[in-house]
Amino acid sequence: MSLSGALSNALSGLNAASRSSQVTASNLSNATTPGYGRREVELGANGLGSHGGVTVLGTTRHMNPGLLSEVRLASAARAGSDETAKFHDRLESLIGLPSDPASLGAKITRFESALVEAASRPDLTERLGAVLQSAEDLASGFKQVSDGIQSMRGEADRKIASDVDSLNTLLSQVRDINRQITVSTVNGRDSSALEDQRQVMIDSIAEIVPVKETKRELGAVALFTSGGAILLDGTAARVEFSATNMTAPHMTQAGGELSGLSINGRQVATDAEGGPMHGGRLGALFEFRDEIAPKIQTRVDATARDLVERFESAGLDATRTAGDPGLFTDGGAAFAPGDETGLSGRLALNDAVVPENGGALWRLRDGLGAADPGPVGNGTLLRDMASALSEGRTPASGAFGPGKLSAAGLQSGLLDQISNDRNASELEQSFAAARFDSANSQLLAEGVDSDQEMQRLMEIEQAYAANARLLQTVGEMFDALIRI
């Protein structure tokens, strides 16, 4: 080999070592950077027609596609289960635990106690006032629960709109990066940094909807949901949703009052069974708004209906005309079974017992239809009303089962159902978190290993020193020739 060939080999070795050290340093500095794929310099021997040496063929970005796909699916499940668990926890707090004095159960208990105390001294106006106050608190409690459920539905609706906006933005960004990667690939430039950015964006998409990535030509990728919806394949899909200013119990997607979801102008299902976008946070929000919250609203309305009907029972109040409202009314009117939806939010006391509305406290003792006060010592009606609360009745609606329940027992059954749903959602949340942590740990294990990179850096240092020494030796040999 000529001296010029040796010189060329040494220079190529220095260039390869320099490039390798640059990539290794990048790996070390980005060991914890989200979306970063470990790089490795690909080296090859110079071919025929050259003095030999080494050439840098390019830089390879390493990422396990199978593990990455599992992490993304697990991320979607975790994001969805987190959202569902938070809503269930808030629903339970809205109803209130038995130990909470502001709970619905505590208000029923106070109302029943006030009736019993008033029945023992029906002549005391302050005890009749306590009955009125506790009854108003109970009606107000039902309204607060109903309003709270609808408020959460509205919140879910707004979050859907926000996620749809984010999804459209991210899809457009991935489309643009696809094009940049294609240009880099065609021109022979390294696109690893662009691929890192794209991975971070797709990871963000995966929290909104469960997404699968498929490779296309020249470094581009296509994105599909696990339910089969095309999000990106050359062009980005346009996902559309119209937010609602407020929600009410009667409002549904099927009825047209609430918006559904469309992709490129085509309506898609959003239910938990067959929706192509189900499985991530977006699907969980739709499920809460359209399925979970309405189911709880139905149960709360059924509990309110049971309360109303207990005080509309024939024979309870002889002064009340058939068809007239009882102590608890549907916005001031008698309850009609066909109007159960949203009843808990319309629950109100009969004006006949509310002094501020032209009524009188003594009608709690003497009857809603009484024209004049009766004997002040007659506590029969008050005792009968207390008995009506404690009496076991089969609920007319709400899927509480065939057994007979008191008013307090029915409310307890409502809370039990909600608590069971919360427990189930928290178990699902724990499972989803464990699945994500496991998959992500495996992916990280295949990422940058700092110990290996440091060992590799030492090898590069040795190679660089050897080539530098060779370069020095060749230089000395040239100097010797010149001195001859």
Protein backbone atom coordinates (compact mmCIF):
# COMPACT_ATOMS: atom_id res chain seq x y z
CA MET A 1 0.00 0.00 0.00
CA SER A 2 1.31 3.47 -0.91
CA LEU A 3 1.79 6.19 1.63
CA SER A 4 -1.06 8.14 0.06
CA GLY A 5 -3.30 5.06 0.47
CA ALA A 6 -2.33 4.77 4.11
CA LEU A 7 -3.04 8.46 4.56
CA SER A 8 -6.46 8.07 2.94
CA ASN A 9 -7.28 5.12 5.18
CA ALA A 10 -6.30 7.04 8.30
CA LEU A 11 -8.40 10.04 7.29
CA SER A 12 -11.43 7.83 6.57
CA GLY A 13 -10.96 6.18 9.95
CA LEU A 14 -10.86 9.56 11.68
CA ASN A 15 -14.00 10.63 9.84
CA ALA A 16 -15.82 7.43 10.84
CA ALA A 17 -14.72 7.77 14.46
CA SER A 18 -15.77 11.41 14.54
CA ARG A 19 -19.20 10.59 13.12
CA SER A 20 -19.60 7.67 15.53
CA SER A 21 -18.68 9.81 18.54
CA GLN A 22 -21.22 12.41 17.45
CA VAL A 23 -23.99 9.81 17.24
CA THR A 24 -22.99 8.19 20.54
CA ALA A 25 -22.99 11.57 22.28
CA SER A 26 -26.45 12.21 20.85
CA ASN A 27 -27.64 8.87 22.23
CA LEU A 28 -26.30 9.66 25.69
CA SER A 29 -27.75 13.16 25.84
CA ASN A 30 -31.18 11.94 24.68
CA ALA A 31 -31.37 8.83 26.83
CA THR A 32 -34.54 10.11 28.53
CA THR A 33 -35.97 12.18 25.67
CA PRO A 34 -39.51 11.03 24.75
CA GLY A 35 -39.73 9.59 21.25
CA TYR A 36 -35.98 9.37 20.77
CA GLY A 37 -34.81 6.30 18.86
CA ARG A 38 -31.29 5.02 19.48
CA ARG A 39 -28.95 5.76 16.56
CA GLU A 40 -26.17 3.63 15.19
CA VAL A 41 -23.64 4.56 12.51
CA GLU A 42 -23.48 2.06 9.67
CA LEU A 43 -19.92 1.60 8.38
CA GLY A 44 -18.62 -0.19 5.30
CA ALA A 45 -15.34 -0.83 3.52
CA ASN A 46 -14.49 1.36 0.54
CA GLY A 47 -14.93 -0.60 -2.67
CA LEU A 48 -12.73 -1.26 -5.69
CA GLY A 49 -10.99 1.65 -7.32
CA SER A 50 -10.07 3.25 -4.02
CA HIS A 51 -7.22 2.96 -1.57
CA GLY A 52 -9.51 1.09 0.85
CA GLY A 53 -10.43 2.46 4.23
CA VAL A 54 -13.87 2.87 5.77
CA THR A 55 -16.90 4.82 4.65
CA VAL A 56 -19.96 6.00 6.57
CA LEU A 57 -22.97 4.40 4.91
CA GLY A 58 -25.50 6.28 7.02
CA THR A 59 -27.22 6.41 10.38
CA THR A 60 -29.82 3.84 11.43
CA ARG A 61 -32.57 4.69 13.92
CA HIS A 62 -33.57 1.71 16.06
CA MET A 63 -37.14 1.33 17.34
CA ASN A 64 -39.04 -1.90 17.97
CA PRO A 65 -42.30 -1.44 16.00
CA GLY A 66 -44.10 -4.28 17.76
CA LEU A 67 -43.37 -2.94 21.24
CA LEU A 68 -44.12 0.62 20.15
CA SER A 69 -47.52 -0.49 18.86
CA GLU A 70 -48.30 -2.24 22.14
CA VAL A 71 -47.26 0.84 24.14
CA ARG A 72 -49.58 3.01 22.08
CA LEU A 73 -52.55 0.69 22.47
CA ALA A 74 -51.84 0.49 26.21
CA SER A 75 -51.55 4.29 26.34
CA ALA A 76 -54.99 4.64 24.75
CA ALA A 77 -56.51 2.18 27.21
CA ARG A 78 -54.87 3.97 30.14
CA ALA A 79 -56.06 7.41 29.02
CA GLY A 80 -59.61 6.12 28.54
CA SER A 81 -59.75 4.29 31.86
CA ASP A 82 -58.32 7.32 33.70
CA GLU A 83 -61.09 9.52 32.31
CA THR A 84 -63.82 7.00 33.15
CA ALA A 85 -62.52 6.41 36.69
CA LYS A 86 -62.41 10.15 37.42
CA PHE A 87 -66.01 10.60 36.29
CA HIS A 88 -67.20 7.63 38.36
CA ASP A 89 -65.44 8.99 41.43
CA ARG A 90 -67.14 12.35 40.96
CA LEU A 91 -70.53 10.68 40.52
CA GLU A 92 -70.13 8.88 43.83
CA SER A 93 -69.13 12.14 45.53
CA LEU A 94 -72.16 13.82 43.98
CA ILE A 95 -74.55 11.32 45.58
CA GLY A 96 -72.49 11.37 48.76
CA LEU A 97 -71.41 8.64 51.15
CA PRO A 98 -73.61 7.87 54.19
CA SER A 99 -71.11 9.61 56.49
CA ASP A 100 -71.44 12.85 54.52
CA PRO A 101 -74.09 15.14 56.08
CA ALA A 102 -74.65 16.72 52.65
CA SER A 103 -75.34 13.36 50.98
CA LEU A 104 -78.70 12.45 49.50
CA GLY A 105 -79.04 9.62 52.01
CA ALA A 106 -78.42 11.95 54.96
CA LYS A 107 -81.07 14.36 53.67
CA ILE A 108 -83.64 11.57 53.42
CA THR A 109 -82.81 10.52 56.98
CA ARG A 110 -83.16 14.09 58.28
CA PHE A 111 -86.49 14.49 56.51
CA GLU A 112 -87.82 11.27 58.03
CA SER A 113 -86.56 12.27 61.49
CA ALA A 114 -88.21 15.69 61.16
CA LEU A 115 -91.54 14.03 60.33
CA VAL A 116 -91.28 11.72 63.35
CA GLU A 117 -90.41 14.61 65.67
CA ALA A 118 -93.21 16.78 64.30
CA ALA A 119 -95.69 13.92 64.71
CA SER A 120 -94.83 13.77 68.42
CA ARG A 121 -95.58 17.51 68.86
CA PRO A 122 -97.68 18.63 65.87
CA ASP A 123 -98.64 21.80 67.70
CA LEU A 124 -95.10 23.20 67.56
CA THR A 125 -94.64 25.48 64.57
CA GLU A 126 -90.86 25.16 64.71
CA ARG A 127 -91.13 21.39 64.22
CA LEU A 128 -93.39 21.88 61.21
CA GLY A 129 -90.82 24.38 59.97
CA ALA A 130 -88.11 21.74 60.38
CA VAL A 131 -90.17 19.36 58.21
CA LEU A 132 -90.48 22.03 55.53
CA GLN A 133 -86.77 22.86 55.68
CA SER A 134 -85.66 19.22 55.48
CA ALA A 135 -88.10 18.55 52.62
CA GLU A 136 -86.77 21.55 50.71
CA ASP A 137 -83.21 20.38 51.36
CA LEU A 138 -84.11 16.96 49.99
CA ALA A 139 -85.69 18.38 46.83
CA SER A 140 -82.68 20.67 46.44
CA GLY A 141 -80.37 17.68 46.92
CA PHE A 142 -81.99 15.83 44.03
CA LYS A 143 -81.66 18.92 41.85
CA GLN A 144 -77.99 19.31 42.75
CA VAL A 145 -77.34 15.69 41.77
CA SER A 146 -79.19 16.08 38.48
CA ASP A 147 -77.46 19.38 37.70
CA GLY A 148 -74.11 17.83 38.60
CA ILE A 149 -74.64 14.91 36.21
CA GLN A 150 -75.58 17.26 33.38
CA SER A 151 -72.63 19.49 34.19
CA MET A 152 -70.31 16.50 33.84
CA ARG A 153 -71.97 15.56 30.55
CA GLY A 154 -71.33 19.11 29.35
CA GLU A 155 -67.73 18.88 30.50
CA ALA A 156 -67.32 15.61 28.58
CA ASP A 157 -68.83 17.28 25.50
CA ARG A 158 -66.32 20.14 25.71
CA LYS A 159 -63.43 17.72 26.20
CA ILE A 160 -64.55 15.83 23.10
CA ALA A 161 -64.41 19.06 21.11
CA SER A 162 -60.93 19.81 22.48
CA ASP A 163 -59.65 16.30 21.69
CA VAL A 164 -61.08 16.46 18.16
CA ASP A 165 -59.29 19.78 17.57
CA SER A 166 -56.05 18.32 18.92
CA LEU A 167 -56.47 15.19 16.80
CA ASN A 168 -56.93 17.20 13.59
CA THR A 169 -53.90 19.35 14.39
CA LEU A 170 -51.70 16.34 15.15
CA LEU A 171 -52.79 14.50 12.01
CA SER A 172 -51.91 17.54 9.90
CA GLN A 173 -48.51 17.78 11.60
CA VAL A 174 -47.77 14.08 11.03
CA ARG A 175 -48.77 14.49 7.36
CA ASP A 176 -46.34 17.41 7.01
CA ILE A 177 -43.51 15.51 8.70
CA ASN A 178 -44.22 12.54 6.43
CA ARG A 179 -43.54 14.80 3.46
CA GLN A 180 -40.34 16.16 5.01
CA ILE A 181 -39.09 12.63 5.72
CA THR A 182 -39.86 11.60 2.15
CA VAL A 183 -37.85 14.55 0.80
CA SER A 184 -34.94 13.72 3.13
CA THR A 185 -34.99 10.08 2.08
CA VAL A 186 -35.01 10.93 -1.62
CA ASN A 187 -32.06 13.31 -1.13
CA GLY A 188 -30.12 10.84 1.00
CA ARG A 189 -30.26 12.92 4.16
CA ASP A 190 -30.67 11.56 7.69
CA SER A 191 -34.32 11.81 8.80
CA SER A 192 -33.92 10.40 12.32
CA ALA A 193 -34.72 13.69 14.06
CA LEU A 194 -37.91 14.05 12.01
CA GLU A 195 -38.88 10.48 12.87
CA ASP A 196 -38.43 11.30 16.57
CA GLN A 197 -40.80 14.26 16.21
CA ARG A 198 -43.30 12.12 14.35
CA GLN A 199 -43.21 9.44 17.02
CA VAL A 200 -43.98 11.98 19.76
CA MET A 201 -46.94 13.28 17.75
CA ILE A 202 -48.30 9.81 17.07
CA ASP A 203 -47.87 8.96 20.76
CA SER A 204 -50.08 11.97 21.56
CA ILE A 205 -52.66 10.78 19.03
CA ALA A 206 -52.59 7.36 20.71
CA GLU A 207 -53.91 8.86 23.95
CA ILE A 208 -56.93 10.23 22.11
CA VAL A 209 -57.69 7.17 19.96
CA PRO A 210 -56.00 3.74 19.78
CA VAL A 211 -53.78 4.03 16.71
CA LYS A 212 -51.81 1.59 14.58
CA GLU A 213 -48.92 2.66 12.37
CA THR A 214 -48.19 1.14 8.96
CA LYS A 215 -45.07 1.93 6.93
CA ARG A 216 -45.38 3.43 3.48
CA GLU A 217 -42.79 4.23 0.79
CA LEU A 218 -39.85 6.55 1.39
CA GLY A 219 -40.19 6.66 5.16
CA ALA A 220 -43.82 7.81 5.35
CA VAL A 221 -46.39 6.11 7.59
CA ALA A 222 -50.15 5.59 7.53
CA LEU A 223 -52.30 5.67 10.66
CA PHE A 224 -55.42 3.64 11.41
CA THR A 225 -57.46 3.22 14.56
CA SER A 226 -57.74 -0.26 16.01
CA GLY A 227 -61.41 -0.07 15.00
CA GLY A 228 -60.50 0.38 11.33
CA ALA A 229 -60.92 4.13 10.77
CA ILE A 230 -58.35 5.67 8.40
CA LEU A 231 -56.73 8.67 10.06
CA LEU A 232 -53.81 9.26 7.73
CA ASP A 233 -52.77 7.64 4.48
CA GLY A 234 -51.11 10.21 2.28
CA THR A 235 -53.68 12.80 3.29
CA ALA A 236 -54.97 13.48 6.81
CA ALA A 237 -58.58 12.68 7.67
CA ARG A 238 -60.81 15.51 8.85
CA VAL A 239 -62.61 14.64 12.09
CA GLU A 240 -65.62 16.83 12.92
CA PHE A 241 -67.66 17.42 16.06
CA SER A 242 -69.95 20.24 17.19
CA ALA A 243 -69.82 21.18 20.87
CA THR A 244 -73.02 21.92 22.79
CA ASN A 245 -73.35 24.95 25.05
CA MET A 246 -75.30 23.02 27.69
CA THR A 247 -76.78 19.57 28.23
CA ALA A 248 -80.10 18.47 29.69
CA PRO A 249 -81.37 15.01 30.69
CA HIS A 250 -83.53 14.63 27.57
CA MET A 251 -80.67 15.46 25.18
CA THR A 252 -79.18 12.50 23.31
CA GLN A 253 -77.07 11.90 20.24
CA ALA A 254 -79.77 9.63 18.80
CA GLY A 255 -82.33 12.40 19.19
CA GLY A 256 -80.09 14.89 17.42
CA GLU A 257 -79.63 17.25 20.37
CA LEU A 258 -75.99 16.20 20.88
CA SER A 259 -73.33 15.94 18.21
CA GLY A 260 -71.88 12.71 16.96
CA LEU A 261 -68.56 12.24 15.19
CA SER A 262 -67.79 12.30 11.48
CA ILE A 263 -64.65 11.48 9.50
CA ASN A 264 -64.31 13.24 6.17
CA GLY A 265 -68.00 14.09 6.32
CA ARG A 266 -69.12 10.53 7.03
CA GLN A 267 -70.87 9.84 10.33
CA VAL A 268 -69.25 7.11 12.44
CA ALA A 269 -70.54 5.22 15.46
CA THR A 270 -69.28 6.39 18.85
CA ASP A 271 -70.69 3.64 21.08
CA ALA A 272 -68.51 1.31 23.10
CA GLU A 273 -69.51 -1.75 21.09
CA GLY A 274 -68.88 -0.88 17.44
CA GLY A 275 -67.36 2.59 17.36
CA PRO A 276 -64.16 2.75 15.25
CA MET A 277 -62.78 5.50 17.51
CA HIS A 278 -63.45 3.69 20.78
CA GLY A 279 -60.67 2.62 23.12
CA GLY A 280 -58.90 5.84 24.06
CA ARG A 281 -59.81 9.05 25.84
CA LEU A 282 -62.15 10.20 23.07
CA GLY A 283 -64.16 6.98 23.22
CA ALA A 284 -64.33 7.16 27.02
CA LEU A 285 -65.71 10.71 26.84
CA PHE A 286 -68.42 9.67 24.39
CA GLU A 287 -69.25 6.65 26.55
CA PHE A 288 -69.66 8.83 29.62
CA ARG A 289 -71.71 11.51 27.87
CA ASP A 290 -74.00 9.12 25.99
CA GLU A 291 -74.15 5.96 28.12
CA ILE A 292 -72.80 6.16 31.68
CA ALA A 293 -74.19 9.56 32.72
CA PRO A 294 -77.67 8.98 31.19
CA LYS A 295 -77.86 5.63 32.98
CA ILE A 296 -77.11 7.29 36.33
CA GLN A 297 -79.54 10.10 35.53
CA THR A 298 -82.24 7.49 34.90
CA ARG A 299 -81.58 5.88 38.28
CA VAL A 300 -81.64 9.23 40.09
CA ASP A 301 -84.89 10.15 38.32
CA ALA A 302 -86.35 6.78 39.32
CA THR A 303 -85.42 7.48 42.95
CA ALA A 304 -87.07 10.91 42.73
CA ARG A 305 -90.16 9.32 41.17
CA ASP A 306 -90.39 6.86 44.03
CA LEU A 307 -90.28 9.76 46.50
CA VAL A 308 -93.00 11.68 44.65
CA GLU A 309 -95.28 8.66 44.37
CA ARG A 310 -94.97 7.84 48.07
CA PHE A 311 -96.67 11.17 48.84
CA GLU A 312 -99.20 10.85 46.03
CA SER A 313 -100.45 7.48 47.30
CA ALA A 314 -104.21 7.22 47.56
CA GLY A 315 -105.41 7.40 51.16
CA LEU A 316 -102.34 9.17 52.53
CA ASP A 317 -103.92 12.64 52.54
CA ALA A 318 -107.73 12.68 52.50
CA THR A 319 -107.78 16.41 51.71
CA ARG A 320 -105.90 15.99 48.44
CA THR A 321 -108.03 15.62 45.32
CA ALA A 322 -107.11 12.73 43.03
CA GLY A 323 -104.80 13.97 40.27
CA ASP A 324 -103.48 16.86 42.33
CA PRO A 325 -99.79 16.93 43.27
CA GLY A 326 -98.61 15.58 46.59
CA LEU A 327 -96.01 17.04 48.91
CA PHE A 328 -93.30 16.67 46.24
CA THR A 329 -94.20 17.89 42.77
CA ASP A 330 -92.87 17.88 39.23
CA GLY A 331 -92.12 21.58 38.99
CA GLY A 332 -95.36 22.38 40.82
CA ALA A 333 -97.53 19.91 38.90
CA ALA A 334 -98.57 16.34 39.57
CA PHE A 335 -96.13 13.74 38.27
CA ALA A 336 -96.93 12.04 34.95
CA PRO A 337 -95.14 8.68 34.42
CA GLY A 338 -94.26 9.64 30.86
CA ASP A 339 -92.28 12.64 32.10
CA GLU A 340 -89.83 10.81 34.33
CA THR A 341 -86.71 11.91 32.43
CA GLY A 342 -85.13 14.79 34.32
CA LEU A 343 -87.65 14.63 37.19
CA SER A 344 -84.93 14.87 39.83
CA GLY A 345 -83.93 18.28 38.48
CA ARG A 346 -87.53 19.56 38.57
CA LEU A 347 -88.45 18.28 42.03
CA ALA A 348 -90.15 20.98 44.11
CA LEU A 349 -92.36 21.24 47.19
CA ASN A 350 -96.07 21.84 46.86
CA ASP A 351 -96.75 25.57 47.18
CA ALA A 352 -99.58 24.74 49.58
CA VAL A 353 -97.04 24.21 52.40
CA VAL A 354 -94.58 26.98 51.50
CA PRO A 355 -95.49 30.27 53.24
CA GLU A 356 -93.38 32.32 50.80
CA ASN A 357 -95.53 30.98 47.95
CA GLY A 358 -98.88 31.61 49.62
CA GLY A 359 -99.05 28.31 51.50
CA ALA A 360 -99.10 27.50 55.21
CA LEU A 361 -97.03 25.25 57.48
CA TRP A 362 -100.14 23.85 59.18
CA ARG A 363 -101.08 22.03 55.94
CA LEU A 364 -98.18 19.67 56.64
CA ARG A 365 -100.22 18.59 59.67
CA ASP A 366 -103.79 19.04 58.42
CA GLY A 367 -103.53 18.17 54.71
CA LEU A 368 -102.54 19.84 51.45
CA GLY A 369 -106.14 20.54 50.51
CA ALA A 370 -107.28 21.75 53.94
CA ALA A 371 -109.04 25.11 53.84
CA ASP A 372 -108.57 25.85 57.54
CA PRO A 373 -106.28 24.65 60.32
CA GLY A 374 -107.42 21.51 62.14
CA PRO A 375 -106.73 20.32 65.68
CA VAL A 376 -103.17 21.28 66.54
CA GLY A 377 -102.58 18.02 68.41
CA ASN A 378 -103.45 15.75 65.48
CA GLY A 379 -100.21 14.19 64.25
CA THR A 380 -101.81 11.40 62.21
CA LEU A 381 -100.85 12.74 58.77
CA LEU A 382 -97.29 13.44 59.87
CA ARG A 383 -96.95 9.88 61.19
CA ASP A 384 -98.45 8.51 57.98
CA MET A 385 -95.97 10.51 55.90
CA ALA A 386 -93.09 9.14 57.99
CA SER A 387 -94.49 5.65 57.45
CA ALA A 388 -94.76 6.32 53.71
CA LEU A 389 -91.02 7.02 53.66
CA SER A 390 -90.10 3.89 55.60
CA GLU A 391 -92.57 1.61 53.83
CA GLY A 392 -91.11 -1.01 51.51
CA ARG A 393 -92.19 -0.39 47.89
CA THR A 394 -91.16 -1.95 44.60
CA PRO A 395 -89.63 0.84 42.48
CA ALA A 396 -91.61 1.52 39.33
CA SER A 397 -88.45 2.11 37.29
CA GLY A 398 -84.68 2.31 37.51
CA ALA A 399 -83.71 -1.39 37.37
CA PHE A 400 -83.28 -1.67 41.14
CA GLY A 401 -84.52 -5.24 41.20
CA PRO A 402 -87.79 -6.83 42.28
CA GLY A 403 -87.44 -6.32 46.06
CA LYS A 404 -89.36 -3.81 48.15
CA LEU A 405 -87.36 -0.91 49.50
CA SER A 406 -87.87 2.08 51.77
CA ALA A 407 -86.97 5.53 50.47
CA ALA A 408 -83.66 5.36 52.34
CA GLY A 409 -83.10 1.81 51.12
CA LEU A 410 -83.69 2.84 47.53
CA GLN A 411 -81.19 5.68 47.83
CA SER A 412 -78.72 3.25 49.38
CA GLY A 413 -79.27 0.93 46.42
CA LEU A 414 -78.57 3.83 44.07
CA LEU A 415 -75.32 4.58 45.89
CA ASP A 416 -74.35 0.89 45.86
CA GLN A 417 -74.77 0.73 42.10
CA ILE A 418 -72.66 3.84 41.60
CA SER A 419 -70.00 2.61 44.05
CA ASN A 420 -69.84 -0.75 42.27
CA ASP A 421 -69.36 1.05 38.96
CA ARG A 422 -66.60 3.14 40.52
CA ASN A 423 -64.84 0.06 41.89
CA ALA A 424 -65.02 -1.63 38.49
CA SER A 425 -63.64 1.46 36.76
CA GLU A 426 -60.76 1.70 39.23
CA LEU A 427 -59.87 -1.96 38.67
CA GLU A 428 -59.85 -1.31 34.93
CA GLN A 429 -57.72 1.78 35.53
CA SER A 430 -55.19 -0.22 37.57
CA PHE A 431 -55.01 -2.94 34.93
CA ALA A 432 -54.54 -0.40 32.13
CA ALA A 433 -51.80 1.39 34.08
CA ALA A 434 -49.97 -1.88 34.77
CA ARG A 435 -50.24 -2.89 31.11
CA PHE A 436 -48.81 0.45 29.98
CA ASP A 437 -45.99 0.42 32.54
CA SER A 438 -44.98 -3.10 31.51
CA ALA A 439 -44.99 -2.37 27.78
CA ASN A 440 -43.23 0.97 28.22
CA SER A 441 -40.53 -0.59 30.40
CA GLN A 442 -39.80 -3.14 27.70
CA LEU A 443 -39.61 -0.41 25.07
CA LEU A 444 -37.27 1.68 27.22
CA ALA A 445 -35.08 -1.38 27.82
CA GLU A 446 -34.48 -1.55 24.07
CA GLY A 447 -33.67 2.15 23.91
CA VAL A 448 -30.47 3.92 24.87
CA ASP A 449 -28.32 1.96 27.34
CA SER A 450 -25.94 4.49 28.88
CA ASP A 451 -23.44 1.83 29.98
CA GLN A 452 -23.23 0.35 26.50
CA GLU A 453 -22.93 3.78 24.93
CA MET A 454 -20.05 4.69 27.27
CA GLN A 455 -18.31 1.44 26.37
CA ARG A 456 -18.87 2.22 22.71
CA LEU A 457 -17.43 5.71 23.25
CA MET A 458 -14.24 4.20 24.69
CA GLU A 459 -13.91 1.95 21.64
CA ILE A 460 -14.38 4.97 19.36
CA GLU A 461 -11.73 6.85 21.33
CA GLN A 462 -9.27 4.00 20.83
CA ALA A 463 -10.05 3.81 17.11
CA TYR A 464 -9.64 7.56 16.77
CA ALA A 465 -6.31 7.47 18.60
CA ALA A 466 -5.07 4.62 16.41
CA ASN A 467 -5.98 6.41 13.20
CA ALA A 468 -4.49 9.65 14.50
CA ARG A 469 -1.26 7.75 15.31
CA LEU A 470 -1.27 6.25 11.82
CA LEU A 471 -1.74 9.70 10.33
CA GLN A 472 1.18 10.98 12.40
CA THR A 473 3.41 8.09 11.31
CA VAL A 474 2.60 8.59 7.64
CA GLY A 475 3.37 12.27 8.06
CA GLU A 476 6.75 11.44 9.57
CA MET A 477 7.47 9.09 6.65
CA PHE A 478 6.63 11.85 4.17
CA ASP A 479 8.94 14.19 6.07
CA ALA A 480 11.72 11.62 5.85
CA LEU A 481 11.30 11.37 2.08
CA ILE A 482 11.38 15.13 1.73
CA ARG A 483 14.64 15.33 3.69
CA ILE A 484 16.42 12.89 1.37
